PDB file of N, CA and C in Angstrom:
ATOM      1  N   GLY A   1      97.765  -9.400 -21.019  1.00  0.00           N
ATOM      2  CA  GLY A   1      96.673  -9.158 -20.132  1.00  0.00           C
ATOM      3  C   GLY A   1      97.169  -8.712 -18.762  1.00  0.00           C
ATOM      4  N   THR A   2      96.233  -8.545 -17.887  1.00  0.00           N
ATOM      5  CA  THR A   2      96.558  -8.110 -16.532  1.00  0.00           C
ATOM      6  C   THR A   2      96.391  -9.257 -15.549  1.00  0.00           C
ATOM      7  N   ALA A   3      96.945  -9.089 -14.368  1.00  0.00           N
ATOM      8  CA  ALA A   3      96.807 -10.110 -13.329  1.00  0.00           C
ATOM      9  C   ALA A   3      95.344 -10.285 -12.950  1.00  0.00           C
ATOM     10  N   THR A   4      94.611  -9.190 -12.905  1.00  0.00           N
ATOM     11  CA  THR A   4      93.192  -9.267 -12.559  1.00  0.00           C
ATOM     12  C   THR A   4      92.430 -10.083 -13.591  1.00  0.00           C
ATOM     13  N   ALA A   5      92.718  -9.861 -14.863  1.00  0.00           N
ATOM     14  CA  ALA A   5      92.053 -10.618 -15.924  1.00  0.00           C
ATOM     15  C   ALA A   5      92.359 -12.102 -15.796  1.00  0.00           C
ATOM     16  N   MET A   6      93.581 -12.440 -15.434  1.00  0.00           N
ATOM     17  CA  MET A   6      93.944 -13.840 -15.265  1.00  0.00           C
ATOM     18  C   MET A   6      93.150 -14.466 -14.123  1.00  0.00           C
ATOM     19  N   VAL A   7      93.057 -13.762 -13.005  1.00  0.00           N
ATOM     20  CA  VAL A   7      92.302 -14.276 -11.858  1.00  0.00           C
ATOM     21  C   VAL A   7      90.836 -14.438 -12.238  1.00  0.00           C
ATOM     22  N   GLU A   8      90.283 -13.461 -12.923  1.00  0.00           N
ATOM     23  CA  GLU A   8      88.876 -13.527 -13.325  1.00  0.00           C
ATOM     24  C   GLU A   8      88.627 -14.655 -14.319  1.00  0.00           C
ATOM     25  N   ARG A   9      89.616 -14.977 -15.164  1.00  0.00           N
ATOM     26  CA  ARG A   9      89.465 -16.087 -16.110  1.00  0.00           C
ATOM     27  C   ARG A   9      89.348 -17.414 -15.385  1.00  0.00           C
ATOM     28  N   LEU A  10      89.966 -17.535 -14.219  1.00  0.00           N
ATOM     29  CA  LEU A  10      89.833 -18.774 -13.449  1.00  0.00           C
ATOM     30  C   LEU A  10      88.374 -18.982 -13.067  1.00  0.00           C
ATOM     31  N   GLY A  11      87.689 -17.881 -12.736  1.00  0.00           N
ATOM     32  CA  GLY A  11      86.254 -17.887 -12.568  1.00  0.00           C
ATOM     33  C   GLY A  11      85.688 -18.731 -11.443  1.00  0.00           C
ATOM     34  N   GLU A  12      86.493 -19.177 -10.534  1.00  0.00           N
ATOM     35  CA  GLU A  12      85.966 -19.981  -9.435  1.00  0.00           C
ATOM     36  C   GLU A  12      86.807 -19.746  -8.190  1.00  0.00           C
ATOM     37  N   ALA A  13      86.232 -20.088  -7.067  1.00  0.00           N
ATOM     38  CA  ALA A  13      86.946 -19.920  -5.800  1.00  0.00           C
ATOM     39  C   ALA A  13      87.989 -21.022  -5.643  1.00  0.00           C
ATOM     40  N   HIS A  14      89.083 -20.670  -5.050  1.00  0.00           N
ATOM     41  CA  HIS A  14      90.121 -21.630  -4.696  1.00  0.00           C
ATOM     42  C   HIS A  14      90.411 -21.452  -3.212  1.00  0.00           C
ATOM     43  N   ASP A  15      90.969 -22.490  -2.591  1.00  0.00           N
ATOM     44  CA  ASP A  15      91.287 -22.399  -1.162  1.00  0.00           C
ATOM     45  C   ASP A  15      92.347 -21.350  -0.886  1.00  0.00           C
ATOM     46  N   ARG A  16      93.314 -21.238  -1.816  1.00  0.00           N
ATOM     47  CA  ARG A  16      94.431 -20.319  -1.610  1.00  0.00           C
ATOM     48  C   ARG A  16      94.806 -19.637  -2.919  1.00  0.00           C
ATOM     49  N   ALA A  17      95.371 -18.460  -2.754  1.00  0.00           N
ATOM     50  CA  ALA A  17      95.938 -17.734  -3.892  1.00  0.00           C
ATOM     51  C   ALA A  17      97.259 -17.146  -3.420  1.00  0.00           C
ATOM     52  N   LEU A  18      98.310 -17.369  -4.176  1.00  0.00           N
ATOM     53  CA  LEU A  18      99.635 -16.841  -3.857  1.00  0.00           C
ATOM     54  C   LEU A  18      99.967 -15.776  -4.890  1.00  0.00           C
ATOM     55  N   VAL A  19     100.289 -14.574  -4.416  1.00  0.00           N
ATOM     56  CA  VAL A  19     100.486 -13.443  -5.319  1.00  0.00           C
ATOM     57  C   VAL A  19     101.866 -12.837  -5.094  1.00  0.00           C
ATOM     58  N   CYS A  20     102.582 -12.614  -6.191  1.00  0.00           N
ATOM     59  CA  CYS A  20     103.911 -12.011  -6.130  1.00  0.00           C
ATOM     60  C   CYS A  20     104.019 -11.003  -7.265  1.00  0.00           C
ATOM     61  N   GLY A  21     104.613  -9.851  -6.979  1.00  0.00           N
ATOM     62  CA  GLY A  21     104.778  -8.834  -8.010  1.00  0.00           C
ATOM     63  C   GLY A  21     104.775  -7.458  -7.391  1.00  0.00           C
ATOM     64  N   PRO A  22     104.604  -6.426  -8.205  1.00  0.00           N
ATOM     65  CA  PRO A  22     104.524  -5.068  -7.664  1.00  0.00           C
ATOM     66  C   PRO A  22     103.324  -4.951  -6.718  1.00  0.00           C
ATOM     67  N   GLU A  23     103.451  -4.108  -5.711  1.00  0.00           N
ATOM     68  CA  GLU A  23     102.405  -4.021  -4.688  1.00  0.00           C
ATOM     69  C   GLU A  23     101.042  -3.651  -5.260  1.00  0.00           C
ATOM     70  N   MET A  24     100.989  -2.742  -6.223  1.00  0.00           N
ATOM     71  CA  MET A  24      99.700  -2.367  -6.802  1.00  0.00           C
ATOM     72  C   MET A  24      99.056  -3.560  -7.506  1.00  0.00           C
ATOM     73  N   MET A  25      99.863  -4.349  -8.220  1.00  0.00           N
ATOM     74  CA  MET A  25      99.335  -5.527  -8.899  1.00  0.00           C
ATOM     75  C   MET A  25      98.864  -6.561  -7.889  1.00  0.00           C
ATOM     76  N   MET A  26      99.625  -6.751  -6.803  1.00  0.00           N
ATOM     77  CA  MET A  26      99.219  -7.724  -5.789  1.00  0.00           C
ATOM     78  C   MET A  26      97.906  -7.309  -5.138  1.00  0.00           C
ATOM     79  N   THR A  27      97.742  -6.019  -4.879  1.00  0.00           N
ATOM     80  CA  THR A  27      96.501  -5.525  -4.286  1.00  0.00           C
ATOM     81  C   THR A  27      95.325  -5.815  -5.211  1.00  0.00           C
ATOM     82  N   THR A  28      95.485  -5.526  -6.485  1.00  0.00           N
ATOM     83  CA  THR A  28      94.421  -5.757  -7.462  1.00  0.00           C
ATOM     84  C   THR A  28      94.118  -7.243  -7.603  1.00  0.00           C
ATOM     85  N   ALA A  29      95.150  -8.076  -7.683  1.00  0.00           N
ATOM     86  CA  ALA A  29      94.955  -9.519  -7.826  1.00  0.00           C
ATOM     87  C   ALA A  29      94.331 -10.116  -6.568  1.00  0.00           C
ATOM     88  N   ALA A  30      94.735  -9.644  -5.399  1.00  0.00           N
ATOM     89  CA  ALA A  30      94.154 -10.140  -4.149  1.00  0.00           C
ATOM     90  C   ALA A  30      92.668  -9.807  -4.092  1.00  0.00           C
ATOM     91  N   ARG A  31      92.312  -8.590  -4.433  1.00  0.00           N
ATOM     92  CA  ARG A  31      90.892  -8.198  -4.452  1.00  0.00           C
ATOM     93  C   ARG A  31      90.098  -9.061  -5.429  1.00  0.00           C
ATOM     94  N   ALA A  32      90.681  -9.325  -6.603  1.00  0.00           N
ATOM     95  CA  ALA A  32      89.993 -10.139  -7.612  1.00  0.00           C
ATOM     96  C   ALA A  32      89.798 -11.568  -7.121  1.00  0.00           C
ATOM     97  N   ALA A  33      90.807 -12.135  -6.481  1.00  0.00           N
ATOM     98  CA  ALA A  33      90.689 -13.502  -5.956  1.00  0.00           C
ATOM     99  C   ALA A  33      89.597 -13.576  -4.897  1.00  0.00           C
ATOM    100  N   ILE A  34      89.553 -12.581  -4.029  1.00  0.00           N
ATOM    101  CA  ILE A  34      88.526 -12.548  -2.985  1.00  0.00           C
ATOM    102  C   ILE A  34      87.144 -12.382  -3.618  1.00  0.00           C
ATOM    103  N   ALA A  35      87.042 -11.543  -4.641  1.00  0.00           N
ATOM    104  CA  ALA A  35      85.763 -11.348  -5.337  1.00  0.00           C
ATOM    105  C   ALA A  35      85.289 -12.633  -6.012  1.00  0.00           C
ATOM    106  N   CYS A  36      86.227 -13.499  -6.403  1.00  0.00           N
ATOM    107  CA  CYS A  36      85.875 -14.782  -7.025  1.00  0.00           C
ATOM    108  C   CYS A  36      85.536 -15.845  -5.984  1.00  0.00           C
ATOM    109  N   GLY A  37      85.678 -15.513  -4.696  1.00  0.00           N
ATOM    110  CA  GLY A  37      85.282 -16.450  -3.645  1.00  0.00           C
ATOM    111  C   GLY A  37      86.404 -17.052  -2.832  1.00  0.00           C
ATOM    112  N   THR A  38      87.639 -16.725  -3.146  1.00  0.00           N
ATOM    113  CA  THR A  38      88.753 -17.213  -2.325  1.00  0.00           C
ATOM    114  C   THR A  38      88.700 -16.488  -0.984  1.00  0.00           C
ATOM    115  N   PRO A  39      88.795 -17.227   0.133  1.00  0.00           N
ATOM    116  CA  PRO A  39      88.762 -16.552   1.438  1.00  0.00           C
ATOM    117  C   PRO A  39      89.939 -15.587   1.578  1.00  0.00           C
ATOM    118  N   ALA A  40      89.697 -14.420   2.160  1.00  0.00           N
ATOM    119  CA  ALA A  40      90.769 -13.431   2.329  1.00  0.00           C
ATOM    120  C   ALA A  40      91.952 -14.028   3.080  1.00  0.00           C
ATOM    121  N   ALA A  41      91.688 -14.864   4.073  1.00  0.00           N
ATOM    122  CA  ALA A  41      92.772 -15.478   4.849  1.00  0.00           C
ATOM    123  C   ALA A  41      93.571 -16.482   4.020  1.00  0.00           C
ATOM    124  N   GLY A  42      93.051 -16.870   2.864  1.00  0.00           N
ATOM    125  CA  GLY A  42      93.752 -17.799   1.988  1.00  0.00           C
ATOM    126  C   GLY A  42      94.537 -17.115   0.883  1.00  0.00           C
ATOM    127  N   VAL A  43      94.533 -15.796   0.874  1.00  0.00           N
ATOM    128  CA  VAL A  43      95.297 -15.037  -0.120  1.00  0.00           C
ATOM    129  C   VAL A  43      96.598 -14.591   0.533  1.00  0.00           C
ATOM    130  N   TYR A  44      97.715 -15.000  -0.046  1.00  0.00           N
ATOM    131  CA  TYR A  44      99.033 -14.660   0.489  1.00  0.00           C
ATOM    132  C   TYR A  44      99.780 -13.783  -0.502  1.00  0.00           C
ATOM    133  N   VAL A  45     100.440 -12.759   0.016  1.00  0.00           N
ATOM    134  CA  VAL A  45     101.224 -11.862  -0.825  1.00  0.00           C
ATOM    135  C   VAL A  45     102.689 -11.921  -0.400  1.00  0.00           C
ATOM    136  N   SER A  46     103.569 -11.803  -1.378  1.00  0.00           N
ATOM    137  CA  SER A  46     105.008 -11.826  -1.134  1.00  0.00           C
ATOM    138  C   SER A  46     105.525 -10.390  -1.179  1.00  0.00           C
ATOM    139  N   LEU A  47     106.046  -9.924  -0.063  1.00  0.00           N
ATOM    140  CA  LEU A  47     106.447  -8.523   0.069  1.00  0.00           C
ATOM    141  C   LEU A  47     107.961  -8.379   0.100  1.00  0.00           C
ATOM    142  N   GLU A  48     108.435  -7.239  -0.354  1.00  0.00           N
ATOM    143  CA  GLU A  48     109.870  -6.949  -0.350  1.00  0.00           C
ATOM    144  C   GLU A  48     110.133  -5.649   0.383  1.00  0.00           C
ATOM    145  N   ARG A  49     111.165  -5.637   1.151  1.00  0.00           N
ATOM    146  CA  ARG A  49     111.668  -4.429   1.794  1.00  0.00           C
ATOM    147  C   ARG A  49     113.182  -4.583   1.910  1.00  0.00           C
ATOM    148  N   ASN A  50     113.900  -3.466   1.862  1.00  0.00           N
ATOM    149  CA  ASN A  50     115.335  -3.513   2.124  1.00  0.00           C
ATOM    150  C   ASN A  50     115.536  -3.805   3.600  1.00  0.00           C
ATOM    151  N   MET A  51     116.368  -4.785   3.877  1.00  0.00           N
ATOM    152  CA  MET A  51     116.619  -5.174   5.260  1.00  0.00           C
ATOM    153  C   MET A  51     118.064  -4.878   5.607  1.00  0.00           C
ATOM    154  N   HIS A  52     118.272  -4.414   6.797  1.00  0.00           N
ATOM    155  CA  HIS A  52     119.623  -4.094   7.238  1.00  0.00           C
ATOM    156  C   HIS A  52     120.084  -5.075   8.312  1.00  0.00           C
ATOM    157  N   CYS A  53     119.371  -5.130   9.429  1.00  0.00           N
ATOM    158  CA  CYS A  53     119.839  -5.952  10.548  1.00  0.00           C
ATOM    159  C   CYS A  53     119.331  -7.386  10.472  1.00  0.00           C
ATOM    160  N   GLY A  54     118.166  -7.617   9.881  1.00  0.00           N
ATOM    161  CA  GLY A  54     117.602  -8.956   9.801  1.00  0.00           C
ATOM    162  C   GLY A  54     117.037  -9.463  11.117  1.00  0.00           C
ATOM    163  N   ALA A  55     116.957  -8.615  12.128  1.00  0.00           N
ATOM    164  CA  ALA A  55     116.474  -9.030  13.448  1.00  0.00           C
ATOM    165  C   ALA A  55     115.333  -8.150  13.950  1.00  0.00           C
ATOM    166  N   GLY A  56     114.839  -7.238  13.144  1.00  0.00           N
ATOM    167  CA  GLY A  56     113.733  -6.386  13.543  1.00  0.00           C
ATOM    168  C   GLY A  56     114.120  -5.201  14.401  1.00  0.00           C
ATOM    169  N   ARG A  57     115.382  -4.880  14.468  1.00  0.00           N
ATOM    170  CA  ARG A  57     115.831  -3.771  15.321  1.00  0.00           C
ATOM    171  C   ARG A  57     115.940  -2.440  14.574  1.00  0.00           C
ATOM    172  N   CYS A  58     116.322  -2.473  13.313  1.00  0.00           N
ATOM    173  CA  CYS A  58     116.571  -1.216  12.586  1.00  0.00           C
ATOM    174  C   CYS A  58     115.297  -0.618  11.991  1.00  0.00           C
ATOM    175  N   LEU A  59     114.249  -1.415  11.865  1.00  0.00           N
ATOM    176  CA  LEU A  59     112.936  -0.999  11.349  1.00  0.00           C
ATOM    177  C   LEU A  59     112.927  -0.646   9.862  1.00  0.00           C
ATOM    178  N   ARG A  60     113.955  -0.986   9.117  1.00  0.00           N
ATOM    179  CA  ARG A  60     113.975  -0.683   7.679  1.00  0.00           C
ATOM    180  C   ARG A  60     112.990  -1.537   6.892  1.00  0.00           C
ATOM    181  N   CYS A  61     112.617  -2.670   7.452  1.00  0.00           N
ATOM    182  CA  CYS A  61     111.711  -3.568   6.736  1.00  0.00           C
ATOM    183  C   CYS A  61     110.272  -3.437   7.222  1.00  0.00           C
ATOM    184  N   GLN A  62     109.953  -2.363   7.918  1.00  0.00           N
ATOM    185  CA  GLN A  62     108.623  -2.192   8.492  1.00  0.00           C
ATOM    186  C   GLN A  62     107.576  -1.933   7.418  1.00  0.00           C
ATOM    187  N   LEU A  63     106.458  -2.610   7.546  1.00  0.00           N
ATOM    188  CA  LEU A  63     105.281  -2.373   6.717  1.00  0.00           C
ATOM    189  C   LEU A  63     104.089  -2.407   7.664  1.00  0.00           C
ATOM    190  N   GLY A  64     103.589  -1.244   8.004  1.00  0.00           N
ATOM    191  CA  GLY A  64     102.520  -1.178   8.999  1.00  0.00           C
ATOM    192  C   GLY A  64     103.002  -1.783  10.303  1.00  0.00           C
ATOM    193  N   PRO A  65     102.241  -2.714  10.870  1.00  0.00           N
ATOM    194  CA  PRO A  65     102.638  -3.327  12.140  1.00  0.00           C
ATOM    195  C   PRO A  65     103.671  -4.443  11.987  1.00  0.00           C
ATOM    196  N   LEU A  66     103.991  -4.820  10.758  1.00  0.00           N
ATOM    197  CA  LEU A  66     104.885  -5.954  10.523  1.00  0.00           C
ATOM    198  C   LEU A  66     106.329  -5.517  10.311  1.00  0.00           C
ATOM    199  N   LEU A  67     107.229  -6.363  10.745  1.00  0.00           N
ATOM    200  CA  LEU A  67     108.645  -6.266  10.379  1.00  0.00           C
ATOM    201  C   LEU A  67     108.906  -7.488   9.509  1.00  0.00           C
ATOM    202  N   LEU A  68     109.109  -7.271   8.216  1.00  0.00           N
ATOM    203  CA  LEU A  68     109.156  -8.388   7.282  1.00  0.00           C
ATOM    204  C   LEU A  68     110.318  -9.335   7.541  1.00  0.00           C
ATOM    205  N   CYS A  69     111.417  -8.844   8.107  1.00  0.00           N
ATOM    206  CA  CYS A  69     112.533  -9.744   8.403  1.00  0.00           C
ATOM    207  C   CYS A  69     112.172 -10.696   9.534  1.00  0.00           C
ATOM    208  N   ARG A  70     111.295 -10.267  10.406  1.00  0.00           N
ATOM    209  CA  ARG A  70     110.919 -11.070  11.564  1.00  0.00           C
ATOM    210  C   ARG A  70     109.608 -11.820  11.333  1.00  0.00           C
ATOM    211  N   ASP A  71     108.632 -11.146  10.748  1.00  0.00           N
ATOM    212  CA  ASP A  71     107.298 -11.717  10.612  1.00  0.00           C
ATOM    213  C   ASP A  71     107.111 -12.492   9.314  1.00  0.00           C
ATOM    214  N   GLY A  72     108.064 -12.384   8.425  1.00  0.00           N
ATOM    215  CA  GLY A  72     107.997 -13.117   7.173  1.00  0.00           C
ATOM    216  C   GLY A  72     107.690 -12.209   6.002  1.00  0.00           C
ATOM    217  N   ALA A  73     108.216 -12.560   4.884  1.00  0.00           N
ATOM    218  CA  ALA A  73     107.992 -11.770   3.679  1.00  0.00           C
ATOM    219  C   ALA A  73     106.721 -12.208   2.961  1.00  0.00           C
ATOM    220  N   VAL A  74     106.235 -13.395   3.261  1.00  0.00           N
ATOM    221  CA  VAL A  74     104.980 -13.877   2.683  1.00  0.00           C
ATOM    222  C   VAL A  74     103.947 -13.883   3.799  1.00  0.00           C
ATOM    223  N   VAL A  75     102.904 -13.082   3.628  1.00  0.00           N
ATOM    224  CA  VAL A  75     101.908 -12.930   4.689  1.00  0.00           C
ATOM    225  C   VAL A  75     100.498 -13.024   4.112  1.00  0.00           C
ATOM    226  N   ALA A  76      99.558 -13.395   4.967  1.00  0.00           N
ATOM    227  CA  ALA A  76      98.155 -13.475   4.561  1.00  0.00           C
ATOM    228  C   ALA A  76      97.609 -12.067   4.323  1.00  0.00           C
ATOM    229  N   TRP A  77      96.749 -11.953   3.351  1.00  0.00           N
ATOM    230  CA  TRP A  77      96.190 -10.669   2.940  1.00  0.00           C
ATOM    231  C   TRP A  77      95.599  -9.862   4.094  1.00  0.00           C
ATOM    232  N   PRO A  78      94.815 -10.445   5.002  1.00  0.00           N
ATOM    233  CA  PRO A  78      94.227  -9.621   6.067  1.00  0.00           C
ATOM    234  C   PRO A  78      95.262  -8.873   6.917  1.00  0.00           C
ATOM    235  N   ALA A  79      96.475  -9.391   7.015  1.00  0.00           N
ATOM    236  CA  ALA A  79      97.513  -8.742   7.827  1.00  0.00           C
ATOM    237  C   ALA A  79      98.043  -7.461   7.189  1.00  0.00           C
ATOM    238  N   VAL A  80      97.899  -7.320   5.871  1.00  0.00           N
ATOM    239  CA  VAL A  80      98.477  -6.157   5.185  1.00  0.00           C
ATOM    240  C   VAL A  80      97.495  -5.389   4.308  1.00  0.00           C
ATOM    241  N   ALA A  81      96.265  -5.842   4.223  1.00  0.00           N
ATOM    242  CA  ALA A  81      95.295  -5.206   3.319  1.00  0.00           C
ATOM    243  C   ALA A  81      95.138  -3.722   3.605  1.00  0.00           C
ATOM    244  N   ASP A  82      94.993  -3.353   4.862  1.00  0.00           N
ATOM    245  CA  ASP A  82      94.789  -1.938   5.195  1.00  0.00           C
ATOM    246  C   ASP A  82      95.976  -1.077   4.777  1.00  0.00           C
ATOM    247  N   VAL A  83      97.179  -1.619   4.900  1.00  0.00           N
ATOM    248  CA  VAL A  83      98.383  -0.857   4.562  1.00  0.00           C
ATOM    249  C   VAL A  83      98.565  -0.775   3.049  1.00  0.00           C
ATOM    250  N   LEU A  84      98.400  -1.889   2.351  1.00  0.00           N
ATOM    251  CA  LEU A  84      98.635  -1.901   0.906  1.00  0.00           C
ATOM    252  C   LEU A  84      97.557  -1.156   0.129  1.00  0.00           C
ATOM    253  N   GLU A  85      96.384  -1.002   0.698  1.00  0.00           N
ATOM    254  CA  GLU A  85      95.315  -0.314  -0.015  1.00  0.00           C
ATOM    255  C   GLU A  85      95.355   1.199   0.152  1.00  0.00           C
ATOM    256  N   VAL A  86      96.320   1.726   0.898  1.00  0.00           N
ATOM    257  CA  VAL A  86      96.475   3.171   1.059  1.00  0.00           C
ATOM    258  C   VAL A  86      97.197   3.714  -0.167  1.00  0.00           C
ATOM    259  N   ARG A  87      96.593   4.645  -0.848  1.00  0.00           N
ATOM    260  CA  ARG A  87      97.226   5.225  -2.037  1.00  0.00           C
ATOM    261  C   ARG A  87      98.208   6.314  -1.629  1.00  0.00           C
ATOM    262  N   GLY A  88      99.299   6.403  -2.371  1.00  0.00           N
ATOM    263  CA  GLY A  88     100.269   7.467  -2.163  1.00  0.00           C
ATOM    264  C   GLY A  88     101.106   7.337  -0.907  1.00  0.00           C
ATOM    265  N   ARG A  89     101.243   6.124  -0.413  1.00  0.00           N
ATOM    266  CA  ARG A  89     102.049   5.948   0.799  1.00  0.00           C
ATOM    267  C   ARG A  89     103.501   5.889   0.483  1.00  0.00           C
TER     268      ARG A  89
END
């Protein structure tokens, strides 16, 4: 099955949802969790980027306004929803 089907099978709102996997799957699962009633601020996604300096200076880990080495690799959905929902980026 798919991640979305799994979330929909839960069929109820939860305080939090933690999502890890390919970005497209995380976007779909986050949307499904929110549609089931989980607050958007309670949906966390785990992001990956190649990091070089680890201090936010080289910008290799940039995702929109975030530097994942500095701001964290696990972030609340509202902080990255606009960036992850852009197709073909």
